[in-house]
Amino acid sequence: MTRLVSSAAVAAITALAASCAPVDGAAPGATASARPERQCFNTEQVRNFRQGETGRLYVRALQDQVFELNTSGGCMDLDIAHRLTITADPPLGGSRICTGDWARITLPGSAAPSAMCRARVDRALTAEEVAALPDAHRP
């Protein structure tokens, strides 16, 4: 039993240490301010959503922020959904999700075999990118 607990503790510490490591070509010695700031939204403040091209979901949060999520095509019935729930994945007790994070998409009342799927928050769109979206994809 003690060995199992210590293995879990080591895994948690390793995961925390890895989250602080430089990513995507960050130069050694680069400061955190040199990296682009992650943009976030509160899942409780999502006002609208639309499915985009295959595997894409666009959500509009308060302050007119629009985020693009990549569902990898695994969300069934998203094109006919009238409502959805977005939660952090893994659920860590908060409702804030940022670019690069994973989320769980739940479609209440879906007829699909699985009413839940995963999506990654790819980016926040600029006002110009939102305006350039086709009407059917713009939340």
N, C-alpha and C. Protein backbone atom coordinates (compact mmCIF):
# COMPACT_ATOMS: atom_id res chain seq x y z
N MET A 1 0.82 -1.19 0.00
CA MET A 1 0.00 0.00 0.00
C MET A 1 0.87 1.26 0.00
N THR A 2 1.93 1.26 0.82
CA THR A 2 2.82 2.41 0.89
C THR A 2 3.50 2.63 -0.45
N ARG A 3 3.87 1.55 -1.11
CA ARG A 3 4.54 1.67 -2.40
C ARG A 3 3.62 2.30 -3.44
N LEU A 4 2.32 1.97 -3.42
CA LEU A 4 1.35 2.54 -4.35
C LEU A 4 1.19 4.03 -4.12
N VAL A 5 1.12 4.44 -2.88
CA VAL A 5 0.98 5.86 -2.56
C VAL A 5 2.22 6.62 -3.00
N SER A 6 3.41 6.07 -2.71
CA SER A 6 4.62 6.78 -3.10
C SER A 6 4.78 6.85 -4.61
N SER A 7 4.32 5.83 -5.33
CA SER A 7 4.37 5.86 -6.80
C SER A 7 3.45 6.95 -7.34
N ALA A 8 2.29 7.10 -6.72
CA ALA A 8 1.36 8.16 -7.14
C ALA A 8 1.95 9.53 -6.85
N ALA A 9 2.63 9.66 -5.72
CA ALA A 9 3.25 10.94 -5.37
C ALA A 9 4.36 11.28 -6.35
N VAL A 10 5.17 10.29 -6.70
CA VAL A 10 6.26 10.51 -7.67
C VAL A 10 5.68 10.91 -9.02
N ALA A 11 4.60 10.26 -9.45
CA ALA A 11 3.98 10.59 -10.72
C ALA A 11 3.44 12.02 -10.71
N ALA A 12 2.84 12.45 -9.60
CA ALA A 12 2.31 13.81 -9.51
C ALA A 12 3.43 14.84 -9.55
N ILE A 13 4.52 14.58 -8.85
CA ILE A 13 5.65 15.51 -8.85
C ILE A 13 6.28 15.58 -10.23
N THR A 14 6.40 14.45 -10.90
CA THR A 14 6.96 14.42 -12.26
C THR A 14 6.09 15.23 -13.21
N ALA A 15 4.78 15.07 -13.09
CA ALA A 15 3.87 15.83 -13.97
C ALA A 15 3.98 17.32 -13.71
N LEU A 16 4.08 17.72 -12.45
CA LEU A 16 4.22 19.14 -12.13
C LEU A 16 5.54 19.69 -12.66
N ALA A 17 6.61 18.94 -12.51
CA ALA A 17 7.92 19.39 -13.01
C ALA A 17 7.91 19.51 -14.52
N ALA A 18 7.27 18.57 -15.21
CA ALA A 18 7.21 18.61 -16.67
C ALA A 18 6.42 19.81 -17.17
N SER A 19 5.44 20.25 -16.39
CA SER A 19 4.62 21.38 -16.83
C SER A 19 5.41 22.68 -16.80
N CYS A 20 6.53 22.70 -16.10
CA CYS A 20 7.37 23.90 -16.03
C CYS A 20 8.49 23.89 -17.05
N ALA A 21 8.66 22.80 -17.77
CA ALA A 21 9.75 22.68 -18.73
C ALA A 21 9.48 23.54 -19.97
N PRO A 22 10.52 24.06 -20.62
CA PRO A 22 10.33 24.83 -21.85
C PRO A 22 9.70 23.95 -22.93
N VAL A 23 8.86 24.56 -23.76
CA VAL A 23 8.19 23.81 -24.82
C VAL A 23 8.31 24.54 -26.14
N ASP A 24 8.09 23.80 -27.22
CA ASP A 24 8.01 24.34 -28.57
C ASP A 24 9.13 25.30 -28.93
N GLY A 25 10.36 24.85 -28.75
CA GLY A 25 11.49 25.62 -29.22
C GLY A 25 11.86 26.80 -28.37
N ALA A 26 11.40 26.87 -27.14
CA ALA A 26 11.79 27.97 -26.28
C ALA A 26 13.30 27.88 -26.05
N ALA A 27 13.97 28.98 -26.21
CA ALA A 27 15.41 29.00 -26.06
C ALA A 27 15.79 28.77 -24.60
N PRO A 28 16.91 28.04 -24.37
CA PRO A 28 17.35 27.86 -23.00
C PRO A 28 17.60 29.21 -22.35
N GLY A 29 17.12 29.38 -21.13
CA GLY A 29 17.29 30.65 -20.44
C GLY A 29 16.22 31.67 -20.78
N ALA A 30 15.28 31.32 -21.65
CA ALA A 30 14.21 32.25 -22.00
C ALA A 30 13.30 32.43 -20.80
N THR A 31 12.82 33.62 -20.59
CA THR A 31 11.94 33.89 -19.45
C THR A 31 10.50 33.61 -19.83
N ALA A 32 9.65 33.50 -18.82
CA ALA A 32 8.23 33.23 -19.06
C ALA A 32 7.60 34.36 -19.86
N SER A 33 8.11 35.59 -19.70
CA SER A 33 7.52 36.71 -20.42
C SER A 33 7.81 36.63 -21.92
N ALA A 34 8.79 35.84 -22.33
CA ALA A 34 9.12 35.70 -23.75
C ALA A 34 8.14 34.76 -24.45
N ARG A 35 7.42 33.93 -23.68
CA ARG A 35 6.45 33.01 -24.27
C ARG A 35 5.13 33.71 -24.46
N PRO A 36 4.34 33.30 -25.47
CA PRO A 36 3.04 33.93 -25.65
C PRO A 36 2.14 33.59 -24.46
N GLU A 37 1.34 34.56 -24.06
CA GLU A 37 0.44 34.37 -22.93
C GLU A 37 -0.72 33.47 -23.33
N ARG A 38 -1.04 32.51 -22.46
CA ARG A 38 -2.18 31.64 -22.72
C ARG A 38 -3.46 32.43 -22.50
N GLN A 39 -4.41 32.24 -23.40
CA GLN A 39 -5.69 32.92 -23.27
C GLN A 39 -6.69 31.93 -22.72
N CYS A 40 -7.54 32.39 -21.81
CA CYS A 40 -8.44 31.51 -21.09
C CYS A 40 -9.87 32.01 -21.13
N PHE A 41 -10.78 31.08 -20.84
CA PHE A 41 -12.18 31.44 -20.65
C PHE A 41 -12.75 30.59 -19.53
N ASN A 42 -13.82 31.09 -18.96
CA ASN A 42 -14.51 30.38 -17.89
C ASN A 42 -15.64 29.60 -18.54
N THR A 43 -15.70 28.31 -18.30
CA THR A 43 -16.70 27.46 -18.95
C THR A 43 -18.13 27.87 -18.59
N GLU A 44 -18.30 28.49 -17.45
CA GLU A 44 -19.63 28.93 -17.03
C GLU A 44 -20.09 30.18 -17.78
N GLN A 45 -19.17 30.80 -18.52
CA GLN A 45 -19.49 32.03 -19.23
C GLN A 45 -19.57 31.85 -20.74
N VAL A 46 -19.66 30.60 -21.21
CA VAL A 46 -19.82 30.35 -22.64
C VAL A 46 -21.24 30.73 -23.02
N ARG A 47 -21.37 31.62 -24.00
CA ARG A 47 -22.69 32.12 -24.41
C ARG A 47 -23.24 31.43 -25.64
N ASN A 48 -22.37 30.95 -26.51
CA ASN A 48 -22.83 30.38 -27.77
C ASN A 48 -21.74 29.45 -28.32
N PHE A 49 -22.14 28.59 -29.24
CA PHE A 49 -21.17 27.69 -29.87
C PHE A 49 -21.68 27.34 -31.27
N ARG A 50 -20.75 26.94 -32.11
CA ARG A 50 -21.08 26.46 -33.45
C ARG A 50 -20.04 25.43 -33.85
N GLN A 51 -20.48 24.43 -34.59
CA GLN A 51 -19.54 23.48 -35.15
C GLN A 51 -18.96 24.10 -36.41
N GLY A 52 -17.68 23.94 -36.59
CA GLY A 52 -17.02 24.42 -37.80
C GLY A 52 -16.81 23.26 -38.75
N GLU A 53 -15.71 23.30 -39.47
CA GLU A 53 -15.36 22.17 -40.33
C GLU A 53 -15.15 20.95 -39.45
N THR A 54 -15.03 19.79 -40.05
CA THR A 54 -14.91 18.54 -39.30
C THR A 54 -13.89 18.66 -38.18
N GLY A 55 -14.34 18.35 -36.98
CA GLY A 55 -13.45 18.36 -35.82
C GLY A 55 -13.25 19.71 -35.17
N ARG A 56 -13.88 20.75 -35.66
CA ARG A 56 -13.71 22.10 -35.10
C ARG A 56 -14.98 22.55 -34.38
N LEU A 57 -14.79 23.17 -33.23
CA LEU A 57 -15.88 23.74 -32.46
C LEU A 57 -15.47 25.14 -32.07
N TYR A 58 -16.34 26.10 -32.30
CA TYR A 58 -16.08 27.48 -31.93
C TYR A 58 -17.01 27.85 -30.79
N VAL A 59 -16.45 28.39 -29.71
CA VAL A 59 -17.28 28.82 -28.58
C VAL A 59 -17.04 30.30 -28.33
N ARG A 60 -18.13 30.99 -27.98
CA ARG A 60 -18.04 32.42 -27.66
C ARG A 60 -18.26 32.57 -26.16
N ALA A 61 -17.29 33.20 -25.51
CA ALA A 61 -17.37 33.46 -24.08
C ALA A 61 -17.72 34.93 -23.87
N LEU A 62 -17.86 35.32 -22.62
CA LEU A 62 -18.11 36.72 -22.32
C LEU A 62 -16.99 37.57 -22.89
N GLN A 63 -17.23 38.84 -23.04
CA GLN A 63 -16.28 39.79 -23.62
C GLN A 63 -15.98 39.47 -25.07
N ASP A 64 -16.90 38.76 -25.73
CA ASP A 64 -16.80 38.42 -27.15
C ASP A 64 -15.52 37.70 -27.55
N GLN A 65 -14.96 36.93 -26.64
CA GLN A 65 -13.82 36.08 -26.99
C GLN A 65 -14.37 34.84 -27.69
N VAL A 66 -13.73 34.46 -28.81
CA VAL A 66 -14.11 33.25 -29.52
C VAL A 66 -12.90 32.32 -29.53
N PHE A 67 -13.12 31.08 -29.11
CA PHE A 67 -12.07 30.08 -29.02
C PHE A 67 -12.35 28.94 -29.99
N GLU A 68 -11.29 28.43 -30.58
CA GLU A 68 -11.39 27.29 -31.49
C GLU A 68 -10.92 26.04 -30.74
N LEU A 69 -11.79 25.02 -30.71
CA LEU A 69 -11.47 23.76 -30.07
C LEU A 69 -11.37 22.69 -31.15
N ASN A 70 -10.44 21.76 -30.98
CA ASN A 70 -10.26 20.66 -31.91
C ASN A 70 -10.79 19.39 -31.27
N THR A 71 -11.87 18.86 -31.81
CA THR A 71 -12.48 17.65 -31.26
C THR A 71 -11.97 16.40 -31.96
N SER A 72 -11.11 16.54 -32.94
CA SER A 72 -10.57 15.42 -33.72
C SER A 72 -11.68 14.58 -34.33
N GLY A 73 -12.82 15.17 -34.58
CA GLY A 73 -13.92 14.48 -35.24
C GLY A 73 -14.64 13.48 -34.36
N GLY A 74 -14.36 13.46 -33.06
CA GLY A 74 -14.94 12.46 -32.18
C GLY A 74 -16.24 12.84 -31.52
N CYS A 75 -16.76 14.02 -31.77
CA CYS A 75 -18.00 14.45 -31.14
C CYS A 75 -19.17 14.19 -32.07
N MET A 76 -19.99 13.23 -31.73
CA MET A 76 -21.17 12.92 -32.52
C MET A 76 -22.32 13.86 -32.15
N ASP A 77 -23.18 14.15 -33.07
CA ASP A 77 -24.36 14.99 -32.88
C ASP A 77 -24.04 16.45 -32.57
N LEU A 78 -22.79 16.86 -32.70
CA LEU A 78 -22.43 18.24 -32.43
C LEU A 78 -23.10 19.19 -33.41
N ASP A 79 -23.30 18.72 -34.64
CA ASP A 79 -23.90 19.57 -35.67
C ASP A 79 -25.39 19.85 -35.41
N ILE A 80 -26.05 19.04 -34.59
CA ILE A 80 -27.47 19.26 -34.30
C ILE A 80 -27.73 19.59 -32.84
N ALA A 81 -26.65 19.78 -32.06
CA ALA A 81 -26.80 20.05 -30.63
C ALA A 81 -27.32 21.46 -30.40
N HIS A 82 -28.23 21.58 -29.44
CA HIS A 82 -28.76 22.89 -29.06
C HIS A 82 -28.10 23.40 -27.79
N ARG A 83 -27.47 22.50 -27.08
CA ARG A 83 -26.75 22.89 -25.87
C ARG A 83 -25.62 21.89 -25.62
N LEU A 84 -24.64 22.34 -24.86
CA LEU A 84 -23.53 21.48 -24.49
C LEU A 84 -22.96 21.95 -23.17
N THR A 85 -22.17 21.09 -22.58
CA THR A 85 -21.47 21.42 -21.35
C THR A 85 -19.99 21.22 -21.60
N ILE A 86 -19.20 22.19 -21.18
CA ILE A 86 -17.74 22.10 -21.31
C ILE A 86 -17.16 22.07 -19.90
N THR A 87 -16.32 21.08 -19.64
CA THR A 87 -15.63 20.99 -18.36
C THR A 87 -14.15 20.72 -18.61
N ALA A 88 -13.33 21.10 -17.66
CA ALA A 88 -11.89 20.85 -17.78
C ALA A 88 -11.63 19.34 -17.75
N ASP A 89 -10.60 18.91 -18.47
CA ASP A 89 -10.23 17.50 -18.51
C ASP A 89 -8.73 17.39 -18.31
N PRO A 90 -8.26 16.90 -17.19
CA PRO A 90 -9.02 16.31 -16.10
C PRO A 90 -9.65 17.40 -15.25
N PRO A 91 -10.79 17.06 -14.62
CA PRO A 91 -11.46 18.06 -13.78
C PRO A 91 -10.63 18.32 -12.52
N LEU A 92 -10.10 19.50 -12.41
CA LEU A 92 -9.26 19.86 -11.26
C LEU A 92 -9.98 20.79 -10.30
N GLY A 93 -11.29 20.90 -10.43
CA GLY A 93 -12.06 21.71 -9.50
C GLY A 93 -12.31 23.12 -9.97
N GLY A 94 -11.77 23.50 -11.11
CA GLY A 94 -11.98 24.85 -11.61
C GLY A 94 -12.75 24.83 -12.91
N SER A 95 -13.24 25.99 -13.30
CA SER A 95 -13.99 26.08 -14.55
C SER A 95 -13.25 26.92 -15.57
N ARG A 96 -11.97 27.19 -15.35
CA ARG A 96 -11.17 27.99 -16.27
C ARG A 96 -10.40 27.04 -17.19
N ILE A 97 -10.50 27.30 -18.49
CA ILE A 97 -9.79 26.50 -19.49
C ILE A 97 -9.01 27.46 -20.37
N CYS A 98 -7.77 27.09 -20.65
CA CYS A 98 -6.87 27.96 -21.43
C CYS A 98 -6.42 27.26 -22.71
N THR A 99 -5.85 28.04 -23.62
CA THR A 99 -5.31 27.46 -24.85
C THR A 99 -4.28 26.41 -24.46
N GLY A 100 -4.35 25.28 -25.16
CA GLY A 100 -3.46 24.16 -24.87
C GLY A 100 -4.07 23.15 -23.91
N ASP A 101 -5.16 23.51 -23.23
CA ASP A 101 -5.81 22.61 -22.28
C ASP A 101 -6.78 21.67 -22.99
N TRP A 102 -7.08 20.56 -22.34
CA TRP A 102 -8.09 19.62 -22.82
C TRP A 102 -9.40 19.89 -22.09
N ALA A 103 -10.49 19.63 -22.78
CA ALA A 103 -11.82 19.82 -22.20
C ALA A 103 -12.69 18.62 -22.54
N ARG A 104 -13.71 18.42 -21.75
CA ARG A 104 -14.73 17.40 -22.03
C ARG A 104 -15.96 18.12 -22.52
N ILE A 105 -16.48 17.65 -23.64
CA ILE A 105 -17.70 18.19 -24.22
C ILE A 105 -18.80 17.16 -23.98
N THR A 106 -19.86 17.58 -23.31
CA THR A 106 -21.00 16.70 -23.05
C THR A 106 -22.21 17.28 -23.76
N LEU A 107 -22.91 16.42 -24.50
CA LEU A 107 -24.10 16.83 -25.23
C LEU A 107 -25.33 16.21 -24.56
N PRO A 108 -26.00 16.96 -23.68
CA PRO A 108 -27.19 16.42 -23.01
C PRO A 108 -28.27 16.07 -24.03
N GLY A 109 -28.88 14.92 -23.87
CA GLY A 109 -29.96 14.51 -24.75
C GLY A 109 -29.51 13.97 -26.10
N SER A 110 -28.22 13.73 -26.28
CA SER A 110 -27.70 13.22 -27.54
C SER A 110 -28.16 11.78 -27.76
N ALA A 111 -28.44 11.45 -29.01
CA ALA A 111 -28.82 10.08 -29.36
C ALA A 111 -27.59 9.24 -29.73
N ALA A 112 -26.42 9.85 -29.74
CA ALA A 112 -25.19 9.14 -30.10
C ALA A 112 -24.84 8.13 -29.01
N PRO A 113 -24.13 7.08 -29.38
CA PRO A 113 -23.73 6.07 -28.38
C PRO A 113 -22.93 6.68 -27.22
N SER A 114 -22.13 7.68 -27.52
CA SER A 114 -21.38 8.37 -26.48
C SER A 114 -21.71 9.85 -26.56
N ALA A 115 -22.29 10.38 -25.50
CA ALA A 115 -22.68 11.79 -25.49
C ALA A 115 -21.57 12.68 -24.96
N MET A 116 -20.35 12.12 -24.81
CA MET A 116 -19.23 12.89 -24.31
C MET A 116 -18.01 12.66 -25.20
N CYS A 117 -17.23 13.71 -25.41
CA CYS A 117 -16.00 13.60 -26.17
C CYS A 117 -14.98 14.57 -25.59
N ARG A 118 -13.76 14.50 -26.09
CA ARG A 118 -12.69 15.38 -25.64
C ARG A 118 -12.33 16.36 -26.75
N ALA A 119 -11.87 17.52 -26.33
CA ALA A 119 -11.43 18.53 -27.28
C ALA A 119 -10.26 19.30 -26.67
N ARG A 120 -9.40 19.79 -27.54
CA ARG A 120 -8.26 20.60 -27.10
C ARG A 120 -8.52 22.04 -27.52
N VAL A 121 -8.29 22.97 -26.61
CA VAL A 121 -8.46 24.40 -26.92
C VAL A 121 -7.22 24.82 -27.71
N ASP A 122 -7.41 25.05 -29.01
CA ASP A 122 -6.28 25.38 -29.87
C ASP A 122 -5.86 26.84 -29.76
N ARG A 123 -6.83 27.75 -29.84
CA ARG A 123 -6.45 29.16 -29.86
C ARG A 123 -7.66 30.05 -29.66
N ALA A 124 -7.37 31.32 -29.36
CA ALA A 124 -8.39 32.35 -29.34
C ALA A 124 -8.30 33.06 -30.68
N LEU A 125 -9.43 33.32 -31.28
CA LEU A 125 -9.45 33.97 -32.59
C LEU A 125 -9.44 35.49 -32.42
N THR A 126 -8.83 36.16 -33.37
CA THR A 126 -8.88 37.62 -33.39
C THR A 126 -10.24 38.05 -33.94
N ALA A 127 -10.57 39.31 -33.78
CA ALA A 127 -11.84 39.83 -34.30
C ALA A 127 -11.91 39.63 -35.82
N GLU A 128 -10.79 39.79 -36.51
CA GLU A 128 -10.76 39.62 -37.96
C GLU A 128 -11.00 38.16 -38.34
N GLU A 129 -10.42 37.23 -37.59
CA GLU A 129 -10.63 35.81 -37.87
C GLU A 129 -12.09 35.41 -37.62
N VAL A 130 -12.69 35.96 -36.59
CA VAL A 130 -14.10 35.67 -36.30
C VAL A 130 -14.97 36.20 -37.44
N ALA A 131 -14.69 37.42 -37.90
CA ALA A 131 -15.47 38.00 -38.99
C ALA A 131 -15.30 37.21 -40.28
N ALA A 132 -14.14 36.58 -40.46
CA ALA A 132 -13.89 35.82 -41.68
C ALA A 132 -14.51 34.42 -41.66
N LEU A 133 -14.99 33.97 -40.51
CA LEU A 133 -15.64 32.65 -40.44
C LEU A 133 -16.93 32.68 -41.26
N PRO A 134 -17.27 31.58 -41.90
CA PRO A 134 -18.58 31.50 -42.56
C PRO A 134 -19.69 31.71 -41.53
N ASP A 135 -20.80 32.29 -41.94
CA ASP A 135 -21.90 32.57 -41.02
C ASP A 135 -22.31 31.34 -40.22
N ALA A 136 -22.33 30.18 -40.86
CA ALA A 136 -22.77 28.96 -40.20
C ALA A 136 -21.80 28.48 -39.13
N HIS A 137 -20.56 28.97 -39.15
CA HIS A 137 -19.55 28.54 -38.18
C HIS A 137 -19.33 29.58 -37.09
N ARG A 138 -19.83 30.79 -37.27
CA ARG A 138 -19.57 31.89 -36.35
C ARG A 138 -20.54 31.83 -35.17
N PRO A 139 -19.99 31.67 -33.94
CA PRO A 139 -20.87 31.62 -32.76
C PRO A 139 -21.40 33.00 -32.39
